C-alpha atoms as a PDB file:
ATOM      1  CA  MET A   1      51.460  51.031 132.085  1.00  0.00           C
ATOM      2  CA  THR A   2      51.926  48.113 129.752  1.00  0.00           C
ATOM      3  CA  ARG A   3      53.600  48.675 126.419  1.00  0.00           C
ATOM      4  CA  THR A   4      51.558  47.957 123.308  1.00  0.00           C
ATOM      5  CA  CYS A   5      52.628  45.610 120.544  1.00  0.00           C
ATOM      6  CA  SER A   6      53.101  48.507 118.136  1.00  0.00           C
ATOM      7  CA  SER A   7      55.621  50.255 120.416  1.00  0.00           C
ATOM      8  CA  VAL A   8      57.555  47.034 120.931  1.00  0.00           C
ATOM      9  CA  ALA A   9      57.673  46.465 117.184  1.00  0.00           C
ATOM     10  CA  ALA A  10      58.874  50.028 116.620  1.00  0.00           C
ATOM     11  CA  ASP A  11      61.672  49.583 119.164  1.00  0.00           C
ATOM     12  CA  TYR A  12      62.695  46.350 117.478  1.00  0.00           C
ATOM     13  CA  VAL A  13      62.858  48.015 114.043  1.00  0.00           C
ATOM     14  CA  ILE A  14      64.872  50.945 115.401  1.00  0.00           C
ATOM     15  CA  ASN A  15      67.348  48.689 117.164  1.00  0.00           C
ATOM     16  CA  ALA A  16      67.790  46.576 114.056  1.00  0.00           C
ATOM     17  CA  TRP A  17      68.403  49.731 111.977  1.00  0.00           C
ATOM     18  CA  LEU A  18      70.985  51.019 114.467  1.00  0.00           C
ATOM     19  CA  ILE A  19      72.812  47.688 114.425  1.00  0.00           C
ATOM     20  CA  GLU A  20      72.766  47.611 110.625  1.00  0.00           C
ATOM     21  CA  MET A  21      74.135  51.165 110.384  1.00  0.00           C
ATOM     22  CA  ASP A  22      76.858  50.430 112.949  1.00  0.00           C
ATOM     23  CA  VAL A  23      75.746  53.322 115.125  1.00  0.00           C
ATOM     24  CA  GLY A  24      78.156  53.651 118.023  1.00  0.00           C
ATOM     25  CA  GLN A  25      80.995  51.979 116.161  1.00  0.00           C
ATOM     26  CA  MET A  26      84.095  54.075 115.392  1.00  0.00           C
ATOM     27  CA  PRO A  27      84.740  54.424 111.633  1.00  0.00           C
ATOM     28  CA  ALA A  28      88.089  53.277 110.302  1.00  0.00           C
ATOM     29  CA  GLY A  29      90.662  56.052 110.154  1.00  0.00           C
ATOM     30  CA  LEU A  30      88.831  58.363 112.584  1.00  0.00           C
ATOM     31  CA  LEU A  31      91.053  60.605 114.699  1.00  0.00           C
ATOM     32  CA  HIS A  32      90.440  59.909 118.356  1.00  0.00           C
ATOM     33  CA  ASP A  33      92.476  61.230 121.253  1.00  0.00           C
ATOM     34  CA  PRO A  34      91.365  60.060 124.720  1.00  0.00           C
ATOM     35  CA  ASP A  35      93.238  63.007 126.277  1.00  0.00           C
ATOM     36  CA  LEU A  36      90.662  65.410 124.836  1.00  0.00           C
ATOM     37  CA  ARG A  37      87.752  63.787 126.642  1.00  0.00           C
ATOM     38  CA  GLY A  38      85.652  66.320 128.562  1.00  0.00           C
ATOM     39  CA  LEU A  39      87.398  69.396 127.104  1.00  0.00           C
ATOM     40  CA  SER A  40      85.503  72.265 125.502  1.00  0.00           C
ATOM     41  CA  ALA A  41      85.964  73.312 121.883  1.00  0.00           C
ATOM     42  CA  GLU A  42      88.052  76.338 122.914  1.00  0.00           C
ATOM     43  CA  GLU A  43      90.407  74.156 124.959  1.00  0.00           C
ATOM     44  CA  VAL A  44      90.809  71.727 122.044  1.00  0.00           C
ATOM     45  CA  TYR A  45      91.644  74.622 119.693  1.00  0.00           C
ATOM     46  CA  ASP A  46      94.241  75.893 122.145  1.00  0.00           C
ATOM     47  CA  ARG A  47      95.939  72.507 122.168  1.00  0.00           C
ATOM     48  CA  ILE A  48      95.859  72.261 118.373  1.00  0.00           C
ATOM     49  CA  ALA A  49      97.378  75.738 118.014  1.00  0.00           C
ATOM     50  CA  THR A  50     100.375  74.783 120.171  1.00  0.00           C
ATOM     51  CA  ASP A  51     101.519  72.039 117.744  1.00  0.00           C
ATOM     52  CA  LEU A  52     100.361  72.925 114.240  1.00  0.00           C
ATOM     53  CA  ARG A  53     103.179  71.086 112.466  1.00  0.00           C
ATOM     54  CA  ARG A  54     102.116  67.774 114.014  1.00  0.00           C
ATOM     55  CA  MET A  55      98.425  68.382 113.361  1.00  0.00           C
ATOM     56  CA  ARG A  56      99.044  69.057 109.665  1.00  0.00           C
ATOM     57  CA  ARG A  57     100.581  65.592 109.261  1.00  0.00           C
ATOM     58  CA  LEU A  58      97.519  63.821 110.667  1.00  0.00           C
ATOM     59  CA  ALA A  59      95.062  62.251 108.227  1.00  0.00           C
ATOM     60  CA  THR A  60      91.324  62.844 108.497  1.00  0.00           C
ATOM     61  CA  LEU A  61      88.379  61.043 106.924  1.00  0.00           C
ATOM     62  CA  ARG A  62      88.973  63.044 103.698  1.00  0.00           C
ATOM     63  CA  GLY A  63      92.636  62.070 103.519  1.00  0.00           C
ATOM     64  CA  ARG A  64      96.058  63.384 104.472  1.00  0.00           C
ATOM     65  CA  GLY A  65      96.346  67.165 104.589  1.00  0.00           C
ATOM     66  CA  LYS A  66      92.596  67.719 104.168  1.00  0.00           C
ATOM     67  CA  GLY A  67      90.153  68.991 106.737  1.00  0.00           C
ATOM     68  CA  ASP A  68      86.919  67.322 107.763  1.00  0.00           C
ATOM     69  CA  ILE A  69      84.907  70.392 106.694  1.00  0.00           C
ATOM     70  CA  LEU A  70      84.643  71.117 102.998  1.00  0.00           C
ATOM     71  CA  GLY A  71      86.286  74.386 101.986  1.00  0.00           C
ATOM     72  CA  GLU A  72      83.988  75.166  99.060  1.00  0.00           C
ATOM     73  CA  PRO A  73      80.206  75.633  99.064  1.00  0.00           C
ATOM     74  CA  LEU A  74      78.079  72.626  98.180  1.00  0.00           C
ATOM     75  CA  PRO A  75      76.238  73.194  94.881  1.00  0.00           C
ATOM     76  CA  ARG A  76      72.537  72.515  94.784  1.00  0.00           C
ATOM     77  CA  PRO A  77      71.003  70.591  91.881  1.00  0.00           C
ATOM     78  CA  ALA A  78      68.671  73.426  90.900  1.00  0.00           C
ATOM     79  CA  ARG A  79      71.169  76.257  91.264  1.00  0.00           C
ATOM     80  CA  PRO A  80      74.680  74.823  91.081  1.00  0.00           C
ATOM     81  CA  ALA A  81      76.491  78.151  90.575  1.00  0.00           C
ATOM     82  CA  GLU A  82      74.760  80.303  93.187  1.00  0.00           C
ATOM     83  CA  TRP A  83      76.651  80.761  96.427  1.00  0.00           C
ATOM     84  CA  VAL A  84      77.776  83.594  98.675  1.00  0.00           C
ATOM     85  CA  ASP A  85      80.981  84.212 100.532  1.00  0.00           C
ATOM     86  CA  LEU A  86      81.208  84.919 104.240  1.00  0.00           C
ATOM     87  CA  ASP A  87      81.218  88.709 103.827  1.00  0.00           C
ATOM     88  CA  GLU A  88      78.081  88.626 101.681  1.00  0.00           C
ATOM     89  CA  PHE A  89      76.378  86.339 104.219  1.00  0.00           C
ATOM     90  CA  TYR A  90      77.154  88.717 107.072  1.00  0.00           C
ATOM     91  CA  ARG A  91      76.091  91.714 104.971  1.00  0.00           C
ATOM     92  CA  ARG A  92      72.718  90.147 104.212  1.00  0.00           C
ATOM     93  CA  GLY A  93      72.188  89.231 107.838  1.00  0.00           C
ATOM     94  CA  LEU A  94      73.045  92.734 109.014  1.00  0.00           C
ATOM     95  CA  MET A  95      70.690  94.400 106.540  1.00  0.00           C
ATOM     96  CA  SER A  96      67.872  91.942 107.300  1.00  0.00           C
ATOM     97  CA  GLY A  97      68.225  92.595 111.023  1.00  0.00           C
ATOM     98  CA  PHE A  98      68.253  96.341 110.445  1.00  0.00           C
ATOM     99  CA  ASP A  99      65.065  96.115 108.367  1.00  0.00           C
ATOM    100  CA  LEU A 100      63.304  94.081 111.047  1.00  0.00           C
ATOM    101  CA  HIS A 101      64.465  96.504 113.721  1.00  0.00           C
ATOM    102  CA  SER A 102      63.190  99.498 111.752  1.00  0.00           C
ATOM    103  CA  THR A 103      59.831  98.054 110.706  1.00  0.00           C
ATOM    104  CA  ARG A 104      58.916  96.828 114.197  1.00  0.00           C
ATOM    105  CA  ASP A 105      59.906 100.047 116.022  1.00  0.00           C
ATOM    106  CA  ARG A 106      62.322  98.419 118.461  1.00  0.00           C
ATOM    107  CA  GLY A 107      63.999 101.667 119.440  1.00  0.00           C
ATOM    108  CA  LEU A 108      66.864 103.812 118.241  1.00  0.00           C
ATOM    109  CA  LEU A 109      70.285 102.688 117.061  1.00  0.00           C
ATOM    110  CA  PRO A 110      73.600 104.604 117.130  1.00  0.00           C
ATOM    111  CA  ALA A 111      73.858 107.071 114.296  1.00  0.00           C
ATOM    112  CA  GLY A 112      77.254 105.744 113.242  1.00  0.00           C
ATOM    113  CA  LEU A 113      75.898 102.190 112.936  1.00  0.00           C
ATOM    114  CA  VAL A 114      72.945 103.381 110.849  1.00  0.00           C
ATOM    115  CA  GLU A 115      75.288 105.248 108.476  1.00  0.00           C
ATOM    116  CA  GLU A 116      77.489 102.190 108.017  1.00  0.00           C
ATOM    117  CA  ILE A 117      74.472  99.954 107.273  1.00  0.00           C
ATOM    118  CA  ASN A 118      73.109 102.485 104.778  1.00  0.00           C
ATOM    119  CA  ALA A 119      76.519 102.549 103.091  1.00  0.00           C
ATOM    120  CA  LEU A 120      76.383  98.756 102.742  1.00  0.00           C
ATOM    121  CA  GLN A 121      72.923  98.932 101.193  1.00  0.00           C
ATOM    122  CA  HIS A 122      74.141 101.397  98.551  1.00  0.00           C
ATOM    123  CA  PRO A 123      77.427 100.172  97.011  1.00  0.00           C
ATOM    124  CA  PRO A 124      79.874 102.764  95.650  1.00  0.00           C
ATOM    125  CA  LEU A 125      79.290 104.150  92.193  1.00  0.00           C
ATOM    126  CA  ALA A 126      81.310 103.082  89.213  1.00  0.00           C
ATOM    127  CA  TRP A 127      84.129 105.324  88.058  1.00  0.00           C
ATOM    128  CA  ASP A 128      82.201 106.618  85.043  1.00  0.00           C
ATOM    129  CA  ALA A 129      79.238 107.626  87.199  1.00  0.00           C
ATOM    130  CA  GLN A 130      81.575 109.387  89.635  1.00  0.00           C
ATOM    131  CA  LEU A 131      83.186 111.207  86.707  1.00  0.00           C
ATOM    132  CA  ALA A 132      79.749 112.308  85.495  1.00  0.00           C
ATOM    133  CA  ARG A 133      78.944 113.704  88.943  1.00  0.00           C
ATOM    134  CA  TRP A 134      82.235 115.562  88.965  1.00  0.00           C
ATOM    135  CA  PHE A 135      81.330 117.157  85.621  1.00  0.00           C
ATOM    136  CA  ASP A 136      77.900 118.106  86.949  1.00  0.00           C
ATOM    137  CA  GLU A 137      79.446 119.788  89.978  1.00  0.00           C
ATOM    138  CA  TYR A 138      82.422 121.663  88.532  1.00  0.00           C
ATOM    139  CA  VAL A 139      81.766 122.077  84.805  1.00  0.00           C
ATOM    140  CA  PRO A 140      78.831 124.492  84.300  1.00  0.00           C
ATOM    141  CA  ARG A 141      76.381 124.047  81.505  1.00  0.00           C
ATOM    142  CA  PRO A 142      75.887 127.104  79.233  1.00  0.00           C
ATOM    143  CA  GLU A 143      72.537 128.687  80.054  1.00  0.00           C
ATOM    144  CA  PRO A 144      70.620 130.738  77.481  1.00  0.00           C
ATOM    145  CA  VAL A 145      69.938 134.368  78.365  1.00  0.00           C
ATOM    146  CA  ARG A 146      66.751 136.263  77.563  1.00  0.00           C
ATOM    147  CA  SER A 147      67.186 139.686  75.987  1.00  0.00           C
ATOM    148  CA  TYR A 148      64.666 142.096  74.462  1.00  0.00           C
ATOM    149  CA  ALA A 149      67.399 143.329  72.141  1.00  0.00           C
ATOM    150  CA  ARG A 150      66.975 140.051  70.245  1.00  0.00           C
ATOM    151  CA  PRO A 151      63.324 139.538  69.277  1.00  0.00           C
ATOM    152  CA  SER A 152      61.756 136.140  69.540  1.00  0.00           C
ATOM    153  CA  ARG A 153      60.702 134.282  66.407  1.00  0.00           C
ATOM    154  CA  ARG A 154      57.125 134.362  67.716  1.00  0.00           C
ATOM    155  CA  GLN A 155      57.144 138.141  67.835  1.00  0.00           C
ATOM    156  CA  SER A 156      55.809 138.431  64.267  1.00  0.00           C
ATOM    157  CA  SER A 157      52.628 136.487  65.112  1.00  0.00           C
ATOM    158  CA  THR A 158      51.650 138.825  67.952  1.00  0.00           C
ATOM    159  CA  PRO A 159      53.568 142.088  67.512  1.00  0.00           C
ATOM    160  CA  ASP A 160      51.683 143.756  70.350  1.00  0.00           C
ATOM    161  CA  ILE A 161      53.129 141.342  72.932  1.00  0.00           C
ATOM    162  CA  PRO A 162      56.848 141.935  73.527  1.00  0.00           C
ATOM    163  CA  ARG A 163      58.845 138.706  73.826  1.00  0.00           C
ATOM    164  CA  ALA A 164      62.509 138.249  74.698  1.00  0.00           C
ATOM    165  CA  GLY A 165      64.736 136.160  72.537  1.00  0.00           C
ATOM    166  CA  ARG A 166      67.095 133.568  74.033  1.00  0.00           C
ATOM    167  CA  TYR A 167      70.748 133.400  73.053  1.00  0.00           C
ATOM    168  CA  PHE A 168      74.072 132.223  74.428  1.00  0.00           C
ATOM    169  CA  PRO A 169      76.464 135.090  75.227  1.00  0.00           C
ATOM    170  CA  PRO A 170      80.058 134.462  74.121  1.00  0.00           C
ATOM    171  CA  GLU A 171      81.394 135.009  77.629  1.00  0.00           C
ATOM    172  CA  GLU A 172      78.901 132.450  78.965  1.00  0.00           C
ATOM    173  CA  VAL A 173      80.078 129.796  76.510  1.00  0.00           C
ATOM    174  CA  ALA A 174      83.773 130.578  77.082  1.00  0.00           C
ATOM    175  CA  ARG A 175      83.632 129.821  80.798  1.00  0.00           C
ATOM    176  CA  CYS A 176      81.966 126.411  80.267  1.00  0.00           C
ATOM    177  CA  THR A 177      85.179 124.473  79.743  1.00  0.00           C
ATOM    178  CA  PHE A 178      87.760 122.435  81.612  1.00  0.00           C
ATOM    179  CA  GLY A 179      91.388 121.450  81.280  1.00  0.00           C
ATOM    180  CA  VAL A 180      92.828 118.019  80.554  1.00  0.00           C
ATOM    181  CA  VAL A 181      96.397 117.169  81.542  1.00  0.00           C
ATOM    182  CA  LEU A 182      97.195 113.975  79.657  1.00  0.00           C
ATOM    183  CA  ASP A 183     100.173 111.891  80.702  1.00  0.00           C
ATOM    184  CA  THR A 184     101.793 110.825  77.419  1.00  0.00           C
ATOM    185  CA  SER A 185     104.857 109.133  78.876  1.00  0.00           C
ATOM    186  CA  GLY A 186     106.087 105.772  77.669  1.00  0.00           C
ATOM    187  CA  SER A 187     104.359 103.899  80.501  1.00  0.00           C
ATOM    188  CA  MET A 188     100.885 105.038  79.375  1.00  0.00           C
ATOM    189  CA  SER A 189      99.188 102.455  77.167  1.00  0.00           C
ATOM    190  CA  THR A 190      97.103 103.428  74.161  1.00  0.00           C
ATOM    191  CA  THR A 191      94.134 101.500  75.576  1.00  0.00           C
ATOM    192  CA  LEU A 192      94.205 103.529  78.775  1.00  0.00           C
ATOM    193  CA  ILE A 193      94.478 106.833  76.894  1.00  0.00           C
ATOM    194  CA  GLY A 194      91.642 105.908  74.523  1.00  0.00           C
ATOM    195  CA  LYS A 195      89.320 104.807  77.305  1.00  0.00           C
ATOM    196  CA  ALA A 196      89.934 107.953  79.337  1.00  0.00           C
ATOM    197  CA  LEU A 197      89.528 110.335  76.397  1.00  0.00           C
ATOM    198  CA  GLY A 198      86.381 108.536  75.253  1.00  0.00           C
ATOM    199  CA  ALA A 199      84.746 108.908  78.673  1.00  0.00           C
ATOM    200  CA  ILE A 200      85.738 112.576  78.856  1.00  0.00           C
ATOM    201  CA  ALA A 201      84.356 113.282  75.382  1.00  0.00           C
ATOM    202  CA  SER A 202      81.015 111.616  76.077  1.00  0.00           C
ATOM    203  CA  TYR A 203      80.380 113.431  79.350  1.00  0.00           C
ATOM    204  CA  ALA A 204      81.591 116.773  77.985  1.00  0.00           C
ATOM    205  CA  ALA A 205      79.210 116.427  75.052  1.00  0.00           C
ATOM    206  CA  ALA A 206      76.367 115.648  77.457  1.00  0.00           C
ATOM    207  CA  ARG A 207      77.200 118.859  79.335  1.00  0.00           C
ATOM    208  CA  ASP A 208      77.170 120.924  76.106  1.00  0.00           C
ATOM    209  CA  VAL A 209      80.823 121.839  76.550  1.00  0.00           C
ATOM    210  CA  PRO A 210      82.064 123.269  73.225  1.00  0.00           C
ATOM    211  CA  ALA A 211      85.792 122.583  73.709  1.00  0.00           C
ATOM    212  CA  ALA A 212      88.346 121.548  76.325  1.00  0.00           C
ATOM    213  CA  ARG A 213      91.890 122.758  76.850  1.00  0.00           C
ATOM    214  CA  VAL A 214      94.169 119.749  76.331  1.00  0.00           C
ATOM    215  CA  VAL A 215      97.801 119.766  77.459  1.00  0.00           C
ATOM    216  CA  MET A 216      99.944 116.673  76.889  1.00  0.00           C
ATOM    217  CA  CYS A 217     103.008 116.174  78.994  1.00  0.00           C
ATOM    218  CA  ASP A 218     105.815 113.671  79.251  1.00  0.00           C
ATOM    219  CA  ALA A 219     109.105 115.375  80.114  1.00  0.00           C
ATOM    220  CA  ALA A 220     107.811 118.688  78.700  1.00  0.00           C
ATOM    221  CA  ALA A 221     104.386 120.202  78.176  1.00  0.00           C
ATOM    222  CA  HIS A 222     102.784 120.143  74.691  1.00  0.00           C
ATOM    223  CA  ASP A 223      99.821 122.538  74.489  1.00  0.00           C
ATOM    224  CA  ALA A 224      97.166 121.310  72.043  1.00  0.00           C
ATOM    225  CA  GLY A 225      94.965 124.331  72.718  1.00  0.00           C
ATOM    226  CA  TYR A 226      91.187 124.158  72.801  1.00  0.00           C
ATOM    227  CA  VAL A 227      90.076 120.910  71.194  1.00  0.00           C
ATOM    228  CA  PRO A 228      86.404 120.405  70.199  1.00  0.00           C
ATOM    229  CA  VAL A 229      84.679 117.771  72.257  1.00  0.00           C
ATOM    230  CA  ALA A 230      83.866 115.708  69.169  1.00  0.00           C
ATOM    231  CA  ASP A 231      87.583 115.504  68.316  1.00  0.00           C
ATOM    232  CA  ILE A 232      88.905 114.578  71.744  1.00  0.00           C
ATOM    233  CA  ALA A 233      88.183 110.859  71.482  1.00  0.00           C
ATOM    234  CA  GLY A 234      89.617 110.159  68.035  1.00  0.00           C
ATOM    235  CA  ARG A 235      91.475 113.045  66.409  1.00  0.00           C
ATOM    236  CA  VAL A 236      93.935 114.154  69.068  1.00  0.00           C
ATOM    237  CA  ARG A 237      97.525 113.655  68.007  1.00  0.00           C
ATOM    238  CA  ILE A 238      99.585 112.314  70.897  1.00  0.00           C
ATOM    239  CA  HIS A 239     102.910 114.037  71.586  1.00  0.00           C
ATOM    240  CA  GLY A 240     105.523 112.711  73.966  1.00  0.00           C
ATOM    241  CA  ARG A 241     106.113 109.032  74.861  1.00  0.00           C
ATOM    242  CA  GLY A 242     109.136 110.015  76.965  1.00  0.00           C
ATOM    243  CA  GLY A 243     109.606 110.573  80.703  1.00  0.00           C
ATOM    244  CA  THR A 244     106.983 111.652  83.226  1.00  0.00           C
ATOM    245  CA  VAL A 245     106.996 115.203  84.626  1.00  0.00           C
ATOM    246  CA  LEU A 246     103.440 116.572  84.798  1.00  0.00           C
ATOM    247  CA  GLN A 247     103.925 119.720  86.868  1.00  0.00           C
ATOM    248  CA  PRO A 248     104.895 121.882  83.802  1.00  0.00           C
ATOM    249  CA  ALA A 249     101.488 121.139  82.255  1.00  0.00           C
ATOM    250  CA  LEU A 250      99.684 122.365  85.381  1.00  0.00           C
ATOM    251  CA  ASP A 251     101.825 125.498  85.473  1.00  0.00           C
ATOM    252  CA  LEU A 252     101.021 126.170  81.812  1.00  0.00           C
ATOM    253  CA  LEU A 253      97.263 126.054  82.485  1.00  0.00           C
ATOM    254  CA  HIS A 254      97.683 128.229  85.557  1.00  0.00           C
ATOM    255  CA  ARG A 255      99.529 130.926  83.612  1.00  0.00           C
ATOM    256  CA  ALA A 256      97.335 130.793  80.474  1.00  0.00           C
ATOM    257  CA  ASP A 257      95.413 134.029  79.945  1.00  0.00           C
ATOM    258  CA  ASP A 258      92.701 132.383  77.803  1.00  0.00           C
ATOM    259  CA  PHE A 259      91.907 129.697  80.393  1.00  0.00           C
ATOM    260  CA  PRO A 260      89.224 130.676  82.962  1.00  0.00           C
ATOM    261  CA  PRO A 261      90.525 130.871  86.549  1.00  0.00           C
ATOM    262  CA  ALA A 262      87.566 128.848  87.860  1.00  0.00           C
ATOM    263  CA  ALA A 263      87.819 126.059  85.281  1.00  0.00           C
ATOM    264  CA  PRO A 264      88.712 122.635  86.763  1.00  0.00           C
ATOM    265  CA  VAL A 265      91.501 120.361  85.574  1.00  0.00           C
ATOM    266  CA  LEU A 266      91.277 116.604  85.000  1.00  0.00           C
ATOM    267  CA  ILE A 267      94.639 114.821  85.270  1.00  0.00           C
ATOM    268  CA  ILE A 268      94.916 111.499  83.394  1.00  0.00           C
ATOM    269  CA  THR A 269      97.917 109.436  84.442  1.00  0.00           C
ATOM    270  CA  ASP A 270      98.971 105.901  85.319  1.00  0.00           C
ATOM    271  CA  ALA A 271     100.221 107.142  88.741  1.00  0.00           C
ATOM    272  CA  ALA A 272     103.881 106.683  87.719  1.00  0.00           C
ATOM    273  CA  CYS A 273     104.489 110.417  88.005  1.00  0.00           C
ATOM    274  CA  ASP A 274     106.156 112.975  90.230  1.00  0.00           C
ATOM    275  CA  VAL A 275     104.528 114.901  93.078  1.00  0.00           C
ATOM    276  CA  LEU A 276     101.903 117.295  91.692  1.00  0.00           C
ATOM    277  CA  ARG A 277     100.733 120.561  93.223  1.00  0.00           C
ATOM    278  CA  PRO A 278      97.619 121.768  91.402  1.00  0.00           C
ATOM    279  CA  ARG A 279      96.439 125.246  92.388  1.00  0.00           C
ATOM    280  CA  ARG A 280      92.833 124.972  91.206  1.00  0.00           C
ATOM    281  CA  GLU A 281      89.974 122.493  91.410  1.00  0.00           C
ATOM    282  CA  HIS A 282      91.165 119.184  89.997  1.00  0.00           C
ATOM    283  CA  ALA A 283      90.607 115.430  89.856  1.00  0.00           C
ATOM    284  CA  TYR A 284      92.691 112.385  88.923  1.00  0.00           C
ATOM    285  CA  LEU A 285      91.759 109.624  86.481  1.00  0.00           C
ATOM    286  CA  VAL A 286      93.986 106.575  87.030  1.00  0.00           C
ATOM    287  CA  PRO A 287      93.674 102.848  86.270  1.00  0.00           C
ATOM    288  CA  ARG A 288      92.424 100.492  88.938  1.00  0.00           C
ATOM    289  CA  GLY A 289      95.161  99.323  91.293  1.00  0.00           C
ATOM    290  CA  ALA A 290      97.393 102.332  90.647  1.00  0.00           C
ATOM    291  CA  VAL A 291      98.541 104.296  93.706  1.00  0.00           C
ATOM    292  CA  LEU A 292      99.625 107.908  93.444  1.00  0.00           C
ATOM    293  CA  PRO A 293     103.042 108.643  95.026  1.00  0.00           C
ATOM    294  CA  PHE A 294     101.514 111.442  97.118  1.00  0.00           C
ATOM    295  CA  THR A 295      98.347 112.212  99.042  1.00  0.00           C
ATOM    296  CA  PRO A 296      95.886 113.697  96.520  1.00  0.00           C
ATOM    297  CA  LYS A 297      93.694 116.613  97.564  1.00  0.00           C
ATOM    298  CA  GLY A 298      91.193 116.141  94.773  1.00  0.00           C
ATOM    299  CA  PRO A 299      88.990 113.119  94.001  1.00  0.00           C
ATOM    300  CA  VAL A 300      90.550 110.067  92.374  1.00  0.00           C
ATOM    301  CA  PHE A 301      88.560 108.103  89.785  1.00  0.00           C
ATOM    302  CA  ARG A 302      89.824 104.595  89.063  1.00  0.00           C
ATOM    303  CA  MET A 303      89.070 103.177  85.641  1.00  0.00           C
ATOM    304  CA  VAL A 304      88.172  99.516  85.325  1.00  0.00           C
END
């Protein structure tokens, strides 16, 4: 077959473009080692790993001490600030593959793998949401009781229909409380104490808790008694600012006759404390990054 004039002209243009772009010519400063000819990428990496000190002194096209591959993501003109790290890229790929696998009925997957993928799809809750769930689980809400001994206010409109009135028994309200062991040592900052007490007051008010038993402790326990929820966040007088020994506060709540045996205890500390041994349902509220000096048995909420 004879070649047409158009194909010959195209070849001429391509060859001229390749010559102009210096295709096939080695750029100045390019690292080239003839000993690596014919080796695979794994074999080249093995050789580089044997002499890292020498390889770090070599200059690449970007300059001395810099790699050929850029270390930061390239910004796009439309969205210059949007980028993802390697973990986020893998997480998106894993969830996309799981969705395709599930929607196209490609068979079953191991139960452990499915649980891990579902955990990635639902990130952990914030500390305030976890604290709210803890209140919902362990701090009961006072429920009104119906009694025919207390007539309803609608009874007068229809006296022939007996109606039960609703009221809150005193013993029902008394058990709807919780204890707060507040670390008032010198290492506790006022910002940390205010943030913790504010969160406790808001969630206790949402649960209709009338009052909470507050015990402050540094080197000794200071019993503040039952404090109304509205006064916890701003009107509690702090006692202490000394050492840190919190076990006496827990023992005081355990021995108190006016504290319900089933009431939980919330321990607020900066984790610079001694080993604690609570004997009832409890939880810890510590700042983020703090590590307790023992293995806690109750949940640990980390404030941001």
